Amino acid sequence: MTEVYPAMAVLGQIDPSDMATSAHLFADDAVWHYSNPNLPELQGDHVGPDGIGAFFAALAEKSRGTFRVEPVSATPVGPELVVVQSRNTLTLEDRIVTIDVVVVWRIVAGQIAEVWDIVPGQPTEVRDARH
């Protein structure tokens, strides 16, 4: 029998392309810690559903709406944490950038309380978007 982790069910409801519809999944004081040396203007802590929504809106604007998440794996760690590996793709200026990312989610009482979004310094792949 497969064990069901409530934290995984919460994550399954998130739509990264429309974070406004996912706002109810975040605690009022949730914090999204974002570390990406390639986008220093977006680095830092984004607090609450409004702050997290503003972060994703800025990311969508910066990428001209091209930001996409392709989940690779999700591993629950105890009752509160889920470690997700994903491959994210976005267009920045004239480059299509693909980055392997690790995101650690902390879910408490059915809501997302904290997220650590860790992006390496070097992209996995960069292609010219003009072709």
N, C-alpha and C. Protein backbone atom coordinates (compact mmCIF):
# COMPACT_ATOMS: atom_id res chain seq x y z
N MET A 1 0.83 -1.17 0.00
CA MET A 1 0.00 0.00 0.00
C MET A 1 0.89 1.25 0.00
N THR A 2 0.53 2.24 -0.81
CA THR A 2 1.28 3.48 -0.92
C THR A 2 0.79 4.47 0.11
N GLU A 3 1.73 5.03 0.88
CA GLU A 3 1.37 6.02 1.89
C GLU A 3 1.09 7.35 1.21
N VAL A 4 0.03 8.02 1.64
CA VAL A 4 -0.33 9.33 1.11
C VAL A 4 0.19 10.39 2.07
N TYR A 5 0.92 11.34 1.55
CA TYR A 5 1.45 12.43 2.35
C TYR A 5 0.61 13.68 2.11
N PRO A 6 -0.01 14.24 3.15
CA PRO A 6 -0.85 15.43 2.97
C PRO A 6 -0.09 16.58 2.31
N ALA A 7 1.19 16.72 2.61
CA ALA A 7 1.97 17.81 2.02
C ALA A 7 2.03 17.67 0.50
N MET A 8 2.11 16.45 0.02
CA MET A 8 2.15 16.21 -1.43
C MET A 8 0.82 16.63 -2.06
N ALA A 9 -0.28 16.37 -1.37
CA ALA A 9 -1.60 16.75 -1.89
C ALA A 9 -1.71 18.27 -2.02
N VAL A 10 -1.15 19.01 -1.07
CA VAL A 10 -1.19 20.47 -1.14
C VAL A 10 -0.40 20.94 -2.37
N LEU A 11 0.79 20.39 -2.57
CA LEU A 11 1.61 20.79 -3.71
C LEU A 11 0.95 20.45 -5.04
N GLY A 12 0.20 19.37 -5.07
CA GLY A 12 -0.48 18.97 -6.29
C GLY A 12 -1.53 19.96 -6.76
N GLN A 13 -1.91 20.89 -5.89
CA GLN A 13 -2.93 21.89 -6.23
C GLN A 13 -2.35 23.18 -6.81
N ILE A 14 -1.03 23.33 -6.76
CA ILE A 14 -0.41 24.59 -7.19
C ILE A 14 -0.35 24.66 -8.71
N ASP A 15 -0.69 25.82 -9.23
CA ASP A 15 -0.55 26.11 -10.66
C ASP A 15 0.48 27.22 -10.81
N PRO A 16 1.76 26.86 -11.11
CA PRO A 16 2.79 27.90 -11.18
C PRO A 16 2.55 28.93 -12.28
N SER A 17 1.72 28.61 -13.25
CA SER A 17 1.44 29.58 -14.31
C SER A 17 0.33 30.56 -13.91
N ASP A 18 -0.36 30.28 -12.80
CA ASP A 18 -1.42 31.16 -12.31
C ASP A 18 -1.44 31.12 -10.79
N MET A 19 -0.47 31.80 -10.19
CA MET A 19 -0.32 31.75 -8.74
C MET A 19 -1.50 32.41 -8.01
N ALA A 20 -2.25 33.26 -8.68
CA ALA A 20 -3.40 33.88 -8.03
C ALA A 20 -4.42 32.82 -7.61
N THR A 21 -4.59 31.80 -8.43
CA THR A 21 -5.54 30.74 -8.09
C THR A 21 -5.00 29.83 -6.98
N SER A 22 -3.70 29.91 -6.71
CA SER A 22 -3.07 29.09 -5.67
C SER A 22 -2.85 29.85 -4.37
N ALA A 23 -3.23 31.12 -4.31
CA ALA A 23 -2.95 31.97 -3.15
C ALA A 23 -3.51 31.38 -1.85
N HIS A 24 -4.68 30.73 -1.93
CA HIS A 24 -5.30 30.17 -0.72
C HIS A 24 -4.47 29.04 -0.10
N LEU A 25 -3.53 28.50 -0.84
CA LEU A 25 -2.68 27.41 -0.34
C LEU A 25 -1.56 27.92 0.56
N PHE A 26 -1.31 29.23 0.55
CA PHE A 26 -0.21 29.82 1.31
C PHE A 26 -0.73 30.43 2.60
N ALA A 27 -0.01 30.18 3.70
CA ALA A 27 -0.33 30.83 4.98
C ALA A 27 -0.15 32.33 4.83
N ASP A 28 -0.84 33.10 5.65
CA ASP A 28 -0.75 34.56 5.59
C ASP A 28 0.67 35.07 5.77
N ASP A 29 1.47 34.35 6.56
CA ASP A 29 2.86 34.76 6.80
C ASP A 29 3.87 33.85 6.09
N ALA A 30 3.44 33.16 5.05
CA ALA A 30 4.35 32.28 4.29
C ALA A 30 5.51 33.09 3.74
N VAL A 31 6.67 32.44 3.64
CA VAL A 31 7.86 33.10 3.09
C VAL A 31 8.42 32.25 1.96
N TRP A 32 8.65 32.89 0.82
CA TRP A 32 9.29 32.25 -0.33
C TRP A 32 10.70 32.82 -0.41
N HIS A 33 11.70 31.99 -0.06
CA HIS A 33 13.10 32.39 -0.11
C HIS A 33 13.61 32.07 -1.52
N TYR A 34 14.04 33.08 -2.25
CA TYR A 34 14.47 32.87 -3.63
C TYR A 34 15.94 33.24 -3.76
N SER A 35 16.72 32.30 -4.25
CA SER A 35 18.14 32.51 -4.45
C SER A 35 18.48 32.16 -5.90
N ASN A 36 18.80 33.18 -6.69
CA ASN A 36 19.17 32.97 -8.09
C ASN A 36 20.15 34.07 -8.50
N PRO A 37 21.44 33.76 -8.57
CA PRO A 37 22.42 34.79 -8.92
C PRO A 37 22.23 35.35 -10.33
N ASN A 38 21.46 34.67 -11.18
CA ASN A 38 21.21 35.15 -12.53
C ASN A 38 20.09 36.18 -12.59
N LEU A 39 19.29 36.26 -11.54
CA LEU A 39 18.19 37.24 -11.45
C LEU A 39 18.27 37.94 -10.10
N PRO A 40 19.34 38.70 -9.87
CA PRO A 40 19.53 39.32 -8.55
C PRO A 40 18.39 40.25 -8.14
N GLU A 41 17.70 40.84 -9.10
CA GLU A 41 16.61 41.75 -8.76
C GLU A 41 15.41 41.03 -8.15
N LEU A 42 15.34 39.70 -8.30
CA LEU A 42 14.24 38.93 -7.73
C LEU A 42 14.64 38.16 -6.47
N GLN A 43 15.94 38.15 -6.15
CA GLN A 43 16.42 37.41 -4.98
C GLN A 43 15.85 38.00 -3.70
N GLY A 44 15.73 37.14 -2.70
CA GLY A 44 15.31 37.61 -1.40
C GLY A 44 14.09 36.86 -0.91
N ASP A 45 13.48 37.40 0.15
CA ASP A 45 12.31 36.79 0.76
C ASP A 45 11.05 37.51 0.30
N HIS A 46 10.08 36.73 -0.14
CA HIS A 46 8.79 37.24 -0.59
C HIS A 46 7.77 36.70 0.40
N VAL A 47 7.02 37.61 1.05
CA VAL A 47 6.21 37.24 2.21
C VAL A 47 4.72 37.35 1.91
N GLY A 48 4.00 36.32 2.37
CA GLY A 48 2.54 36.29 2.25
C GLY A 48 2.08 36.00 0.84
N PRO A 49 0.84 35.63 0.68
CA PRO A 49 0.31 35.35 -0.66
C PRO A 49 0.49 36.52 -1.63
N ASP A 50 0.32 37.75 -1.14
CA ASP A 50 0.48 38.91 -2.02
C ASP A 50 1.93 39.07 -2.46
N GLY A 51 2.87 38.94 -1.54
CA GLY A 51 4.28 39.06 -1.87
C GLY A 51 4.75 37.96 -2.80
N ILE A 52 4.26 36.75 -2.57
CA ILE A 52 4.63 35.62 -3.42
C ILE A 52 4.00 35.80 -4.80
N GLY A 53 2.76 36.26 -4.84
CA GLY A 53 2.11 36.54 -6.12
C GLY A 53 2.85 37.62 -6.90
N ALA A 54 3.31 38.66 -6.20
CA ALA A 54 4.07 39.74 -6.85
C ALA A 54 5.40 39.21 -7.40
N PHE A 55 6.04 38.30 -6.66
CA PHE A 55 7.27 37.67 -7.14
C PHE A 55 7.02 36.94 -8.45
N PHE A 56 5.98 36.12 -8.50
CA PHE A 56 5.69 35.37 -9.73
C PHE A 56 5.26 36.28 -10.86
N ALA A 57 4.57 37.38 -10.54
CA ALA A 57 4.20 38.35 -11.58
C ALA A 57 5.46 39.00 -12.16
N ALA A 58 6.42 39.33 -11.30
CA ALA A 58 7.68 39.92 -11.77
C ALA A 58 8.47 38.92 -12.61
N LEU A 59 8.45 37.66 -12.20
CA LEU A 59 9.13 36.62 -12.97
C LEU A 59 8.47 36.44 -14.34
N ALA A 60 7.14 36.48 -14.37
CA ALA A 60 6.42 36.38 -15.65
C ALA A 60 6.73 37.57 -16.54
N GLU A 61 6.78 38.76 -15.96
CA GLU A 61 7.10 39.95 -16.74
C GLU A 61 8.53 39.88 -17.29
N LYS A 62 9.47 39.49 -16.42
CA LYS A 62 10.88 39.40 -16.83
C LYS A 62 11.06 38.38 -17.95
N SER A 63 10.30 37.30 -17.92
CA SER A 63 10.43 36.24 -18.93
C SER A 63 9.40 36.37 -20.06
N ARG A 64 8.66 37.47 -20.06
CA ARG A 64 7.62 37.70 -21.07
C ARG A 64 6.62 36.54 -21.13
N GLY A 65 6.29 36.02 -19.93
CA GLY A 65 5.29 34.96 -19.84
C GLY A 65 5.76 33.58 -20.26
N THR A 66 7.06 33.37 -20.39
CA THR A 66 7.57 32.09 -20.87
C THR A 66 7.97 31.13 -19.77
N PHE A 67 7.92 31.55 -18.50
CA PHE A 67 8.37 30.70 -17.39
C PHE A 67 7.55 29.42 -17.32
N ARG A 68 8.23 28.27 -17.35
CA ARG A 68 7.58 26.96 -17.28
C ARG A 68 8.33 26.07 -16.30
N VAL A 69 7.59 25.26 -15.55
CA VAL A 69 8.15 24.32 -14.59
C VAL A 69 7.85 22.91 -15.06
N GLU A 70 8.89 22.08 -15.15
CA GLU A 70 8.72 20.67 -15.48
C GLU A 70 9.21 19.86 -14.27
N PRO A 71 8.30 19.34 -13.44
CA PRO A 71 8.72 18.57 -12.28
C PRO A 71 9.50 17.32 -12.71
N VAL A 72 10.56 17.03 -11.98
CA VAL A 72 11.37 15.84 -12.24
C VAL A 72 11.11 14.80 -11.15
N SER A 73 11.14 15.25 -9.88
CA SER A 73 10.86 14.35 -8.77
C SER A 73 10.34 15.14 -7.58
N ALA A 74 9.63 14.43 -6.71
CA ALA A 74 9.14 15.03 -5.45
C ALA A 74 9.28 13.97 -4.37
N THR A 75 9.98 14.34 -3.30
CA THR A 75 10.24 13.40 -2.22
C THR A 75 9.76 13.99 -0.90
N PRO A 76 8.75 13.35 -0.27
CA PRO A 76 8.34 13.82 1.05
C PRO A 76 9.41 13.45 2.08
N VAL A 77 9.63 14.36 3.02
CA VAL A 77 10.59 14.14 4.10
C VAL A 77 9.84 14.44 5.40
N GLY A 78 9.32 13.42 6.02
CA GLY A 78 8.53 13.61 7.23
C GLY A 78 7.19 14.25 6.91
N PRO A 79 6.49 14.71 7.93
CA PRO A 79 5.13 15.22 7.72
C PRO A 79 5.05 16.63 7.14
N GLU A 80 6.14 17.42 7.20
CA GLU A 80 6.06 18.82 6.78
C GLU A 80 6.82 19.16 5.52
N LEU A 81 7.85 18.43 5.16
CA LEU A 81 8.73 18.84 4.07
C LEU A 81 8.56 17.98 2.82
N VAL A 82 8.71 18.65 1.68
CA VAL A 82 8.76 17.97 0.39
C VAL A 82 9.91 18.61 -0.39
N VAL A 83 10.79 17.78 -0.92
CA VAL A 83 11.89 18.26 -1.74
C VAL A 83 11.54 17.96 -3.20
N VAL A 84 11.49 19.02 -4.01
CA VAL A 84 11.11 18.88 -5.41
C VAL A 84 12.30 19.28 -6.28
N GLN A 85 12.59 18.43 -7.25
CA GLN A 85 13.56 18.80 -8.28
C GLN A 85 12.74 19.10 -9.52
N SER A 86 13.06 20.21 -10.17
CA SER A 86 12.36 20.55 -11.40
C SER A 86 13.35 21.12 -12.41
N ARG A 87 12.91 21.12 -13.64
CA ARG A 87 13.67 21.75 -14.73
C ARG A 87 12.82 22.92 -15.20
N ASN A 88 13.31 24.12 -14.97
CA ASN A 88 12.57 25.33 -15.31
C ASN A 88 13.13 25.95 -16.58
N THR A 89 12.24 26.45 -17.41
CA THR A 89 12.65 27.08 -18.67
C THR A 89 11.99 28.45 -18.76
N LEU A 90 12.76 29.43 -19.20
CA LEU A 90 12.23 30.76 -19.42
C LEU A 90 13.10 31.47 -20.45
N THR A 91 12.51 32.46 -21.08
CA THR A 91 13.25 33.27 -22.05
C THR A 91 13.64 34.57 -21.36
N LEU A 92 14.93 34.87 -21.40
CA LEU A 92 15.46 36.12 -20.86
C LEU A 92 16.15 36.84 -22.00
N GLU A 93 15.59 37.98 -22.38
CA GLU A 93 16.06 38.75 -23.53
C GLU A 93 16.04 37.86 -24.77
N ASP A 94 17.19 37.51 -25.33
CA ASP A 94 17.20 36.69 -26.55
C ASP A 94 17.73 35.28 -26.30
N ARG A 95 17.65 34.83 -25.04
CA ARG A 95 18.14 33.50 -24.69
C ARG A 95 17.04 32.67 -24.05
N ILE A 96 16.96 31.41 -24.43
CA ILE A 96 16.09 30.44 -23.76
C ILE A 96 16.97 29.73 -22.75
N VAL A 97 16.63 29.89 -21.47
CA VAL A 97 17.45 29.38 -20.39
C VAL A 97 16.72 28.22 -19.71
N THR A 98 17.42 27.10 -19.54
CA THR A 98 16.89 25.96 -18.82
C THR A 98 17.76 25.75 -17.58
N ILE A 99 17.10 25.60 -16.44
CA ILE A 99 17.82 25.51 -15.17
C ILE A 99 17.24 24.35 -14.35
N ASP A 100 18.12 23.50 -13.83
CA ASP A 100 17.71 22.48 -12.87
C ASP A 100 17.66 23.12 -11.50
N VAL A 101 16.52 22.97 -10.82
CA VAL A 101 16.24 23.69 -9.58
C VAL A 101 15.83 22.69 -8.49
N VAL A 102 16.15 23.02 -7.25
CA VAL A 102 15.63 22.28 -6.09
C VAL A 102 14.79 23.24 -5.27
N VAL A 103 13.59 22.80 -4.92
CA VAL A 103 12.69 23.61 -4.10
C VAL A 103 12.28 22.76 -2.90
N VAL A 104 12.50 23.30 -1.71
CA VAL A 104 12.10 22.63 -0.48
C VAL A 104 10.86 23.35 0.04
N TRP A 105 9.79 22.60 0.20
CA TRP A 105 8.50 23.13 0.64
C TRP A 105 8.25 22.68 2.07
N ARG A 106 7.76 23.59 2.91
CA ARG A 106 7.34 23.25 4.27
C ARG A 106 5.84 23.53 4.37
N ILE A 107 5.09 22.48 4.63
CA ILE A 107 3.64 22.58 4.70
C ILE A 107 3.22 22.30 6.15
N VAL A 108 2.45 23.23 6.73
CA VAL A 108 1.99 23.11 8.11
C VAL A 108 0.48 23.33 8.12
N ALA A 109 -0.24 22.40 8.74
CA ALA A 109 -1.70 22.51 8.87
C ALA A 109 -2.38 22.73 7.52
N GLY A 110 -1.89 22.05 6.49
CA GLY A 110 -2.52 22.11 5.18
C GLY A 110 -2.22 23.34 4.35
N GLN A 111 -1.29 24.18 4.82
CA GLN A 111 -0.91 25.37 4.05
C GLN A 111 0.60 25.46 3.92
N ILE A 112 1.03 26.08 2.86
CA ILE A 112 2.46 26.28 2.62
C ILE A 112 2.93 27.38 3.56
N ALA A 113 3.91 27.04 4.40
CA ALA A 113 4.44 27.98 5.39
C ALA A 113 5.75 28.61 4.94
N GLU A 114 6.56 27.82 4.21
CA GLU A 114 7.87 28.32 3.82
C GLU A 114 8.36 27.53 2.62
N VAL A 115 9.09 28.24 1.74
CA VAL A 115 9.63 27.63 0.53
C VAL A 115 11.06 28.13 0.34
N TRP A 116 11.96 27.21 0.07
CA TRP A 116 13.34 27.56 -0.29
C TRP A 116 13.53 27.17 -1.75
N ASP A 117 13.64 28.14 -2.61
CA ASP A 117 13.76 27.96 -4.07
C ASP A 117 15.23 28.20 -4.41
N ILE A 118 15.95 27.12 -4.68
CA ILE A 118 17.40 27.18 -4.82
C ILE A 118 17.79 26.94 -6.28
N VAL A 119 18.39 27.97 -6.88
CA VAL A 119 18.79 27.93 -8.27
C VAL A 119 20.31 28.00 -8.33
N PRO A 120 20.95 27.10 -9.09
CA PRO A 120 22.41 27.15 -9.17
C PRO A 120 22.89 28.37 -9.95
N GLY A 121 24.14 28.69 -9.80
CA GLY A 121 24.72 29.85 -10.49
C GLY A 121 24.79 29.70 -11.99
N GLN A 122 24.90 28.47 -12.47
CA GLN A 122 25.02 28.24 -13.90
C GLN A 122 23.78 27.52 -14.44
N PRO A 123 23.22 28.01 -15.54
CA PRO A 123 22.07 27.32 -16.15
C PRO A 123 22.49 25.96 -16.68
N THR A 124 21.54 25.05 -16.82
CA THR A 124 21.78 23.75 -17.39
C THR A 124 22.00 23.86 -18.89
N GLU A 125 21.24 24.77 -19.52
CA GLU A 125 21.31 24.93 -20.98
C GLU A 125 20.88 26.34 -21.35
N VAL A 126 21.55 26.92 -22.35
CA VAL A 126 21.18 28.23 -22.88
C VAL A 126 21.14 28.11 -24.40
N ARG A 127 20.01 28.54 -24.99
CA ARG A 127 19.86 28.51 -26.46
C ARG A 127 19.48 29.90 -26.93
N ASP A 128 19.79 30.17 -28.16
CA ASP A 128 19.43 31.45 -28.77
C ASP A 128 17.95 31.41 -29.11
N ALA A 129 17.19 32.39 -28.64
CA ALA A 129 15.74 32.44 -28.87
C ALA A 129 15.40 33.02 -30.24
N ARG A 130 16.37 33.53 -30.93
CA ARG A 130 16.08 34.18 -32.24
C ARG A 130 16.00 33.18 -33.36
N HIS A 131 16.20 31.93 -33.10
CA HIS A 131 16.15 30.92 -34.19
C HIS A 131 14.94 30.06 -34.06
